[in-house]
PDB file of all heavy atoms in Angstrom:
ATOM      1  N   GLU A   1       2.149  -0.284  -9.218  1.00  0.00           N
ATOM      2  CA  GLU A   1       3.541  -0.686  -9.415  1.00  0.00           C
ATOM      3  C   GLU A   1       4.205   0.148 -10.495  1.00  0.00           C
ATOM      4  O   GLU A   1       5.384   0.510 -10.387  1.00  0.00           O
ATOM      5  CB  GLU A   1       3.604  -2.167  -9.759  1.00  0.00           C
ATOM      6  CG  GLU A   1       4.991  -2.758  -9.627  1.00  0.00           C
ATOM      7  CD  GLU A   1       4.974  -4.266  -9.634  1.00  0.00           C
ATOM      8  OE1 GLU A   1       4.484  -4.848 -10.630  1.00  0.00           O
ATOM      9  OE2 GLU A   1       5.433  -4.871  -8.657  1.00  0.00           O
ATOM     10  N   ASP A   2       3.457   0.458 -11.540  1.00  0.00           N
ATOM     11  CA  ASP A   2       3.996   1.297 -12.619  1.00  0.00           C
ATOM     12  C   ASP A   2       4.151   2.736 -12.154  1.00  0.00           C
ATOM     13  O   ASP A   2       5.162   3.389 -12.425  1.00  0.00           O
ATOM     14  CB  ASP A   2       3.074   1.213 -13.835  1.00  0.00           C
ATOM     15  CG  ASP A   2       3.608   2.008 -15.016  1.00  0.00           C
ATOM     16  OD1 ASP A   2       4.720   1.684 -15.495  1.00  0.00           O
ATOM     17  OD2 ASP A   2       2.930   2.959 -15.463  1.00  0.00           O
ATOM     18  N   MET A   3       3.166   3.242 -11.421  1.00  0.00           N
ATOM     19  CA  MET A   3       3.171   4.636 -10.992  1.00  0.00           C
ATOM     20  C   MET A   3       4.325   4.952 -10.050  1.00  0.00           C
ATOM     21  O   MET A   3       4.954   6.011 -10.141  1.00  0.00           O
ATOM     22  CB  MET A   3       1.848   4.968 -10.307  1.00  0.00           C
ATOM     23  CG  MET A   3       1.727   6.399  -9.830  1.00  0.00           C
ATOM     24  SD  MET A   3       0.186   6.677  -8.913  1.00  0.00           S
ATOM     25  CE  MET A   3       0.514   5.776  -7.378  1.00  0.00           C
ATOM     26  N   VAL A   4       4.614   4.055  -9.121  1.00  0.00           N
ATOM     27  CA  VAL A   4       5.616   4.358  -8.092  1.00  0.00           C
ATOM     28  C   VAL A   4       7.029   4.460  -8.649  1.00  0.00           C
ATOM     29  O   VAL A   4       7.933   4.953  -7.958  1.00  0.00           O
ATOM     30  CB  VAL A   4       5.580   3.318  -6.951  1.00  0.00           C
ATOM     31  CG1 VAL A   4       4.224   3.317  -6.274  1.00  0.00           C
ATOM     32  CG2 VAL A   4       5.953   1.925  -7.449  1.00  0.00           C
ATOM     33  N   GLN A   5       7.236   4.019  -9.902  1.00  0.00           N
ATOM     34  CA  GLN A   5       8.561   4.162 -10.503  1.00  0.00           C
ATOM     35  C   GLN A   5       8.962   5.626 -10.631  1.00  0.00           C
ATOM     36  O   GLN A   5      10.145   5.951 -10.763  1.00  0.00           O
ATOM     37  CB  GLN A   5       8.584   3.499 -11.894  1.00  0.00           C
ATOM     38  CG  GLN A   5       8.219   2.023 -11.903  1.00  0.00           C
ATOM     39  CD  GLN A   5       9.133   1.168 -11.049  1.00  0.00           C
ATOM     40  OE1 GLN A   5      10.342   1.378 -11.020  1.00  0.00           O
ATOM     41  NE2 GLN A   5       8.547   0.218 -10.338  1.00  0.00           N
ATOM     42  N   ASP A   6       7.968   6.518 -10.577  1.00  0.00           N
ATOM     43  CA  ASP A   6       8.234   7.953 -10.727  1.00  0.00           C
ATOM     44  C   ASP A   6       8.707   8.609  -9.434  1.00  0.00           C
ATOM     45  O   ASP A   6       9.075   9.785  -9.438  1.00  0.00           O
ATOM     46  CB  ASP A   6       6.975   8.682 -11.212  1.00  0.00           C
ATOM     47  CG  ASP A   6       6.496   8.204 -12.572  1.00  0.00           C
ATOM     48  OD1 ASP A   6       7.345   7.717 -13.346  1.00  0.00           O
ATOM     49  OD2 ASP A   6       5.289   8.321 -12.858  1.00  0.00           O
ATOM     50  N   PHE A   7       8.687   7.869  -8.320  1.00  0.00           N
ATOM     51  CA  PHE A   7       8.963   8.483  -7.024  1.00  0.00           C
ATOM     52  C   PHE A   7      10.234   7.935  -6.388  1.00  0.00           C
ATOM     53  O   PHE A   7      10.419   6.716  -6.310  1.00  0.00           O
ATOM     54  CB  PHE A   7       7.778   8.258  -6.071  1.00  0.00           C
ATOM     55  CG  PHE A   7       6.501   8.917  -6.527  1.00  0.00           C
ATOM     56  CD1 PHE A   7       5.579   8.211  -7.287  1.00  0.00           C
ATOM     57  CD2 PHE A   7       6.248  10.243  -6.206  1.00  0.00           C
ATOM     58  CE1 PHE A   7       4.421   8.815  -7.723  1.00  0.00           C
ATOM     59  CE2 PHE A   7       5.083  10.858  -6.638  1.00  0.00           C
ATOM     60  CZ  PHE A   7       4.162  10.153  -7.396  1.00  0.00           C
ATOM     61  N   ASP A   8      11.083   8.838  -5.942  1.00  0.00           N
ATOM     62  CA  ASP A   8      12.330   8.469  -5.271  1.00  0.00           C
ATOM     63  C   ASP A   8      12.099   8.498  -3.765  1.00  0.00           C
ATOM     64  O   ASP A   8      12.573   9.377  -3.045  1.00  0.00           O
ATOM     65  CB  ASP A   8      13.448   9.437  -5.667  1.00  0.00           C
ATOM     66  CG  ASP A   8      14.795   9.021  -5.103  1.00  0.00           C
ATOM     67  OD1 ASP A   8      14.943   7.834  -4.755  1.00  0.00           O
ATOM     68  OD2 ASP A   8      15.688   9.887  -5.004  1.00  0.00           O
ATOM     69  N   LEU A   9      11.318   7.538  -3.289  1.00  0.00           N
ATOM     70  CA  LEU A   9      10.969   7.445  -1.873  1.00  0.00           C
ATOM     71  C   LEU A   9      11.346   6.064  -1.348  1.00  0.00           C
ATOM     72  O   LEU A   9      11.197   5.075  -2.053  1.00  0.00           O
ATOM     73  CB  LEU A   9       9.463   7.665  -1.675  1.00  0.00           C
ATOM     74  CG  LEU A   9       8.885   9.022  -2.105  1.00  0.00           C
ATOM     75  CD1 LEU A   9       7.360   8.974  -2.060  1.00  0.00           C
ATOM     76  CD2 LEU A   9       9.414  10.133  -1.212  1.00  0.00           C
ATOM     77  N   ASP A  10      11.795   6.007  -0.126  1.00  0.00           N
ATOM     78  CA  ASP A  10      12.134   4.732   0.498  1.00  0.00           C
ATOM     79  C   ASP A  10      10.993   4.332   1.428  1.00  0.00           C
ATOM     80  O   ASP A  10      11.082   4.440   2.651  1.00  0.00           O
ATOM     81  CB  ASP A  10      13.445   4.862   1.271  1.00  0.00           C
ATOM     82  CG  ASP A  10      13.930   3.525   1.808  1.00  0.00           C
ATOM     83  OD1 ASP A  10      13.362   2.487   1.417  1.00  0.00           O
ATOM     84  OD2 ASP A  10      14.862   3.523   2.631  1.00  0.00           O
ATOM     85  N   ILE A  11       9.876   3.900   0.833  1.00  0.00           N
ATOM     86  CA  ILE A  11       8.697   3.550   1.608  1.00  0.00           C
ATOM     87  C   ILE A  11       8.051   2.285   1.049  1.00  0.00           C
ATOM     88  O   ILE A  11       8.360   1.860  -0.067  1.00  0.00           O
ATOM     89  CB  ILE A  11       7.649   4.682   1.628  1.00  0.00           C
ATOM     90  CG1 ILE A  11       7.152   4.979   0.204  1.00  0.00           C
ATOM     91  CG2 ILE A  11       8.210   5.930   2.272  1.00  0.00           C
ATOM     92  CD1 ILE A  11       6.004   5.970   0.170  1.00  0.00           C
ATOM     93  N   LYS A  12       7.135   1.708   1.830  1.00  0.00           N
ATOM     94  CA  LYS A  12       6.390   0.533   1.396  1.00  0.00           C
ATOM     95  C   LYS A  12       4.932   0.920   1.176  1.00  0.00           C
ATOM     96  O   LYS A  12       4.310   1.539   2.037  1.00  0.00           O
ATOM     97  CB  LYS A  12       6.493  -0.587   2.427  1.00  0.00           C
ATOM     98  CG  LYS A  12       5.747  -1.866   2.034  1.00  0.00           C
ATOM     99  CD  LYS A  12       5.792  -2.918   3.131  1.00  0.00           C
ATOM    100  CE  LYS A  12       7.177  -3.505   3.264  1.00  0.00           C
ATOM    101  NZ  LYS A  12       7.201  -4.638   4.253  1.00  0.00           N
ATOM    102  N   VAL A  13       4.401   0.537   0.022  1.00  0.00           N
ATOM    103  CA  VAL A  13       3.017   0.827  -0.337  1.00  0.00           C
ATOM    104  C   VAL A  13       2.250  -0.487  -0.436  1.00  0.00           C
ATOM    105  O   VAL A  13       2.698  -1.431  -1.094  1.00  0.00           O
ATOM    106  CB  VAL A  13       2.935   1.577  -1.684  1.00  0.00           C
ATOM    107  CG1 VAL A  13       1.479   1.752  -2.121  1.00  0.00           C
ATOM    108  CG2 VAL A  13       3.625   2.930  -1.587  1.00  0.00           C
ATOM    109  N   ALA A  14       1.101  -0.554   0.200  1.00  0.00           N
ATOM    110  CA  ALA A  14       0.264  -1.755   0.171  1.00  0.00           C
ATOM    111  C   ALA A  14      -0.966  -1.519  -0.702  1.00  0.00           C
ATOM    112  O   ALA A  14      -1.564  -0.443  -0.670  1.00  0.00           O
ATOM    113  CB  ALA A  14      -0.169  -2.140   1.580  1.00  0.00           C
ATOM    114  N   VAL A  15      -1.323  -2.533  -1.480  1.00  0.00           N
ATOM    115  CA  VAL A  15      -2.532  -2.491  -2.300  1.00  0.00           C
ATOM    116  C   VAL A  15      -3.361  -3.717  -1.921  1.00  0.00           C
ATOM    117  O   VAL A  15      -2.972  -4.845  -2.211  1.00  0.00           O
ATOM    118  CB  VAL A  15      -2.217  -2.510  -3.806  1.00  0.00           C
ATOM    119  CG1 VAL A  15      -3.491  -2.349  -4.626  1.00  0.00           C
ATOM    120  CG2 VAL A  15      -1.218  -1.411  -4.164  1.00  0.00           C
ATOM    121  N   MET A  16      -4.495  -3.474  -1.260  1.00  0.00           N
ATOM    122  CA  MET A  16      -5.297  -4.565  -0.718  1.00  0.00           C
ATOM    123  C   MET A  16      -6.659  -4.644  -1.410  1.00  0.00           C
ATOM    124  O   MET A  16      -7.192  -3.638  -1.863  1.00  0.00           O
ATOM    125  CB  MET A  16      -5.471  -4.393   0.792  1.00  0.00           C
ATOM    126  CG  MET A  16      -4.157  -4.430   1.553  1.00  0.00           C
ATOM    127  SD  MET A  16      -3.308  -6.025   1.365  1.00  0.00           S
ATOM    128  CE  MET A  16      -1.631  -5.585   1.805  1.00  0.00           C
ATOM    129  N   GLY A  17      -7.200  -5.840  -1.424  1.00  0.00           N
ATOM    130  CA  GLY A  17      -8.405  -6.079  -2.204  1.00  0.00           C
ATOM    131  C   GLY A  17      -9.712  -5.854  -1.509  1.00  0.00           C
ATOM    132  O   GLY A  17     -10.760  -5.804  -2.149  1.00  0.00           O
ATOM    133  N   CYS A  18      -9.712  -5.730  -0.171  1.00  0.00           N
ATOM    134  CA  CYS A  18     -10.985  -5.514   0.524  1.00  0.00           C
ATOM    135  C   CYS A  18     -10.755  -4.657   1.752  1.00  0.00           C
ATOM    136  O   CYS A  18      -9.664  -4.607   2.310  1.00  0.00           O
ATOM    137  CB  CYS A  18     -11.655  -6.833   0.896  1.00  0.00           C
ATOM    138  SG  CYS A  18     -10.889  -7.702   2.280  1.00  0.00           S
ATOM    139  N   ALA A  19     -11.839  -4.006   2.173  1.00  0.00           N
ATOM    140  CA  ALA A  19     -11.749  -3.109   3.331  1.00  0.00           C
ATOM    141  C   ALA A  19     -11.829  -3.868   4.649  1.00  0.00           C
ATOM    142  O   ALA A  19     -11.619  -3.300   5.713  1.00  0.00           O
ATOM    143  CB  ALA A  19     -12.866  -2.075   3.260  1.00  0.00           C
ATOM    144  N   VAL A  20     -12.129  -5.162   4.607  1.00  0.00           N
ATOM    145  CA  VAL A  20     -12.245  -5.952   5.826  1.00  0.00           C
ATOM    146  C   VAL A  20     -10.867  -6.209   6.437  1.00  0.00           C
ATOM    147  O   VAL A  20     -10.609  -5.899   7.597  1.00  0.00           O
ATOM    148  CB  VAL A  20     -12.963  -7.291   5.539  1.00  0.00           C
ATOM    149  CG1 VAL A  20     -12.968  -8.156   6.788  1.00  0.00           C
ATOM    150  CG2 VAL A  20     -14.379  -7.034   5.055  1.00  0.00           C
ATOM    151  N   ASN A  21      -9.971  -6.793   5.628  1.00  0.00           N
ATOM    152  CA  ASN A  21      -8.641  -7.130   6.131  1.00  0.00           C
ATOM    153  C   ASN A  21      -7.569  -6.125   5.733  1.00  0.00           C
ATOM    154  O   ASN A  21      -6.439  -6.209   6.197  1.00  0.00           O
ATOM    155  CB  ASN A  21      -8.214  -8.517   5.617  1.00  0.00           C
ATOM    156  CG  ASN A  21      -9.030  -9.628   6.255  1.00  0.00           C
ATOM    157  OD1 ASN A  21      -9.559  -9.456   7.335  1.00  0.00           O
ATOM    158  ND2 ASN A  21      -9.143 -10.752   5.576  1.00  0.00           N
ATOM    159  N   GLY A  22      -7.938  -5.183   4.867  1.00  0.00           N
ATOM    160  CA  GLY A  22      -6.953  -4.231   4.356  1.00  0.00           C
ATOM    161  C   GLY A  22      -6.128  -3.531   5.407  1.00  0.00           C
ATOM    162  O   GLY A  22      -4.893  -3.572   5.384  1.00  0.00           O
ATOM    163  N   PRO A  23      -6.779  -2.871   6.405  1.00  0.00           N
ATOM    164  CA  PRO A  23      -5.995  -2.142   7.408  1.00  0.00           C
ATOM    165  C   PRO A  23      -5.015  -3.032   8.165  1.00  0.00           C
ATOM    166  O   PRO A  23      -3.880  -2.646   8.408  1.00  0.00           O
ATOM    167  CB  PRO A  23      -7.083  -1.583   8.335  1.00  0.00           C
ATOM    168  CG  PRO A  23      -8.295  -1.480   7.470  1.00  0.00           C
ATOM    169  CD  PRO A  23      -8.225  -2.664   6.552  1.00  0.00           C
ATOM    170  N   GLY A  24      -5.457  -4.219   8.529  1.00  0.00           N
ATOM    171  CA  GLY A  24      -4.565  -5.106   9.269  1.00  0.00           C
ATOM    172  C   GLY A  24      -3.408  -5.589   8.429  1.00  0.00           C
ATOM    173  O   GLY A  24      -2.258  -5.596   8.861  1.00  0.00           O
ATOM    174  N   GLU A  25      -3.696  -6.001   7.195  1.00  0.00           N
ATOM    175  CA  GLU A  25      -2.664  -6.522   6.311  1.00  0.00           C
ATOM    176  C   GLU A  25      -1.685  -5.436   5.885  1.00  0.00           C
ATOM    177  O   GLU A  25      -0.538  -5.713   5.550  1.00  0.00           O
ATOM    178  CB  GLU A  25      -3.311  -7.166   5.083  1.00  0.00           C
ATOM    179  CG  GLU A  25      -4.107  -8.432   5.425  1.00  0.00           C
ATOM    180  CD  GLU A  25      -4.858  -8.985   4.228  1.00  0.00           C
ATOM    181  OE1 GLU A  25      -4.919  -8.286   3.203  1.00  0.00           O
ATOM    182  OE2 GLU A  25      -5.392 -10.098   4.322  1.00  0.00           O
ATOM    183  N   ALA A  26      -2.160  -4.186   5.881  1.00  0.00           N
ATOM    184  CA  ALA A  26      -1.309  -3.079   5.431  1.00  0.00           C
ATOM    185  C   ALA A  26      -0.590  -2.395   6.590  1.00  0.00           C
ATOM    186  O   ALA A  26       0.076  -1.388   6.385  1.00  0.00           O
ATOM    187  CB  ALA A  26      -2.152  -2.057   4.669  1.00  0.00           C
ATOM    188  N   ARG A  27      -0.723  -2.957   7.803  1.00  0.00           N
ATOM    189  CA  ARG A  27      -0.196  -2.269   8.988  1.00  0.00           C
ATOM    190  C   ARG A  27       1.308  -2.022   8.909  1.00  0.00           C
ATOM    191  O   ARG A  27       1.803  -1.013   9.409  1.00  0.00           O
ATOM    192  CB  ARG A  27      -0.531  -3.085  10.246  1.00  0.00           C
ATOM    193  CG  ARG A  27      -0.119  -2.370  11.544  1.00  0.00           C
ATOM    194  CD  ARG A  27      -0.764  -2.997  12.770  1.00  0.00           C
ATOM    195  NE  ARG A  27      -2.177  -2.621  12.840  1.00  0.00           N
ATOM    196  CZ  ARG A  27      -3.192  -3.484  12.801  1.00  0.00           C
ATOM    197  NH1 ARG A  27      -2.944  -4.777  12.670  1.00  0.00           N
ATOM    198  NH2 ARG A  27      -4.436  -3.069  12.887  1.00  0.00           N
ATOM    199  N   GLU A  28       2.039  -2.941   8.274  1.00  0.00           N
ATOM    200  CA  GLU A  28       3.490  -2.779   8.211  1.00  0.00           C
ATOM    201  C   GLU A  28       3.931  -1.867   7.079  1.00  0.00           C
ATOM    202  O   GLU A  28       5.107  -1.525   6.966  1.00  0.00           O
ATOM    203  CB  GLU A  28       4.159  -4.148   8.056  1.00  0.00           C
ATOM    204  CG  GLU A  28       3.977  -5.051   9.271  1.00  0.00           C
ATOM    205  CD  GLU A  28       4.706  -6.366   9.125  1.00  0.00           C
ATOM    206  OE1 GLU A  28       5.394  -6.547   8.098  1.00  0.00           O
ATOM    207  OE2 GLU A  28       4.604  -7.200  10.033  1.00  0.00           O
ATOM    208  N   ALA A  29       2.978  -1.466   6.234  1.00  0.00           N
ATOM    209  CA  ALA A  29       3.299  -0.559   5.131  1.00  0.00           C
ATOM    210  C   ALA A  29       3.213   0.882   5.619  1.00  0.00           C
ATOM    211  O   ALA A  29       2.522   1.202   6.590  1.00  0.00           O
ATOM    212  CB  ALA A  29       2.353  -0.786   3.968  1.00  0.00           C
ATOM    213  N   ASP A  30       3.914   1.778   4.925  1.00  0.00           N
ATOM    214  CA  ASP A  30       3.845   3.200   5.271  1.00  0.00           C
ATOM    215  C   ASP A  30       2.506   3.794   4.844  1.00  0.00           C
ATOM    216  O   ASP A  30       1.958   4.661   5.517  1.00  0.00           O
ATOM    217  CB  ASP A  30       4.997   3.954   4.596  1.00  0.00           C
ATOM    218  CG  ASP A  30       6.346   3.478   5.098  1.00  0.00           C
ATOM    219  OD1 ASP A  30       6.711   3.840   6.226  1.00  0.00           O
ATOM    220  OD2 ASP A  30       7.020   2.720   4.380  1.00  0.00           O
ATOM    221  N   ILE A  31       2.015   3.319   3.705  1.00  0.00           N
ATOM    222  CA  ILE A  31       0.755   3.819   3.185  1.00  0.00           C
ATOM    223  C   ILE A  31       0.125   2.717   2.334  1.00  0.00           C
ATOM    224  O   ILE A  31       0.833   1.865   1.791  1.00  0.00           O
ATOM    225  CB  ILE A  31       0.961   5.110   2.345  1.00  0.00           C
ATOM    226  CG1 ILE A  31      -0.380   5.748   1.988  1.00  0.00           C
ATOM    227  CG2 ILE A  31       1.811   4.830   1.101  1.00  0.00           C
ATOM    228  CD1 ILE A  31      -0.224   7.157   1.399  1.00  0.00           C
ATOM    229  N   GLY A  32      -1.198   2.722   2.239  1.00  0.00           N
ATOM    230  CA  GLY A  32      -1.834   1.687   1.447  1.00  0.00           C
ATOM    231  C   GLY A  32      -3.239   2.082   1.036  1.00  0.00           C
ATOM    232  O   GLY A  32      -3.817   3.031   1.576  1.00  0.00           O
ATOM    233  N   ILE A  33      -3.766   1.355   0.070  1.00  0.00           N
ATOM    234  CA  ILE A  33      -5.152   1.527  -0.337  1.00  0.00           C
ATOM    235  C   ILE A  33      -5.813   0.159  -0.322  1.00  0.00           C
ATOM    236  O   ILE A  33      -5.172  -0.858  -0.584  1.00  0.00           O
ATOM    237  CB  ILE A  33      -5.285   2.174  -1.733  1.00  0.00           C
ATOM    238  CG1 ILE A  33      -4.430   1.426  -2.767  1.00  0.00           C
ATOM    239  CG2 ILE A  33      -4.921   3.648  -1.690  1.00  0.00           C
ATOM    240  CD1 ILE A  33      -4.562   1.964  -4.191  1.00  0.00           C
ATOM    241  N   ALA A  34      -7.100   0.149   0.014  1.00  0.00           N
ATOM    242  CA  ALA A  34      -7.852  -1.097   0.041  1.00  0.00           C
ATOM    243  C   ALA A  34      -9.210  -0.855  -0.588  1.00  0.00           C
ATOM    244  O   ALA A  34      -9.840   0.178  -0.340  1.00  0.00           O
ATOM    245  CB  ALA A  34      -8.012  -1.601   1.475  1.00  0.00           C
ATOM    246  N   GLY A  35      -9.647  -1.781  -1.400  1.00  0.00           N
ATOM    247  CA  GLY A  35     -10.898  -1.614  -2.124  1.00  0.00           C
ATOM    248  C   GLY A  35     -12.079  -2.202  -1.403  1.00  0.00           C
ATOM    249  O   GLY A  35     -11.960  -3.184  -0.665  1.00  0.00           O
TER     250      GLY A  35
END
């Protein structure tokens, strides 16, 4: 959340807590990371 303040982009970023549901939950985001 702090890092993205540096970028002038109109996109949605997802940050997910597990690799099991991450891809599905992040499907509506443009880009995401899951742990």
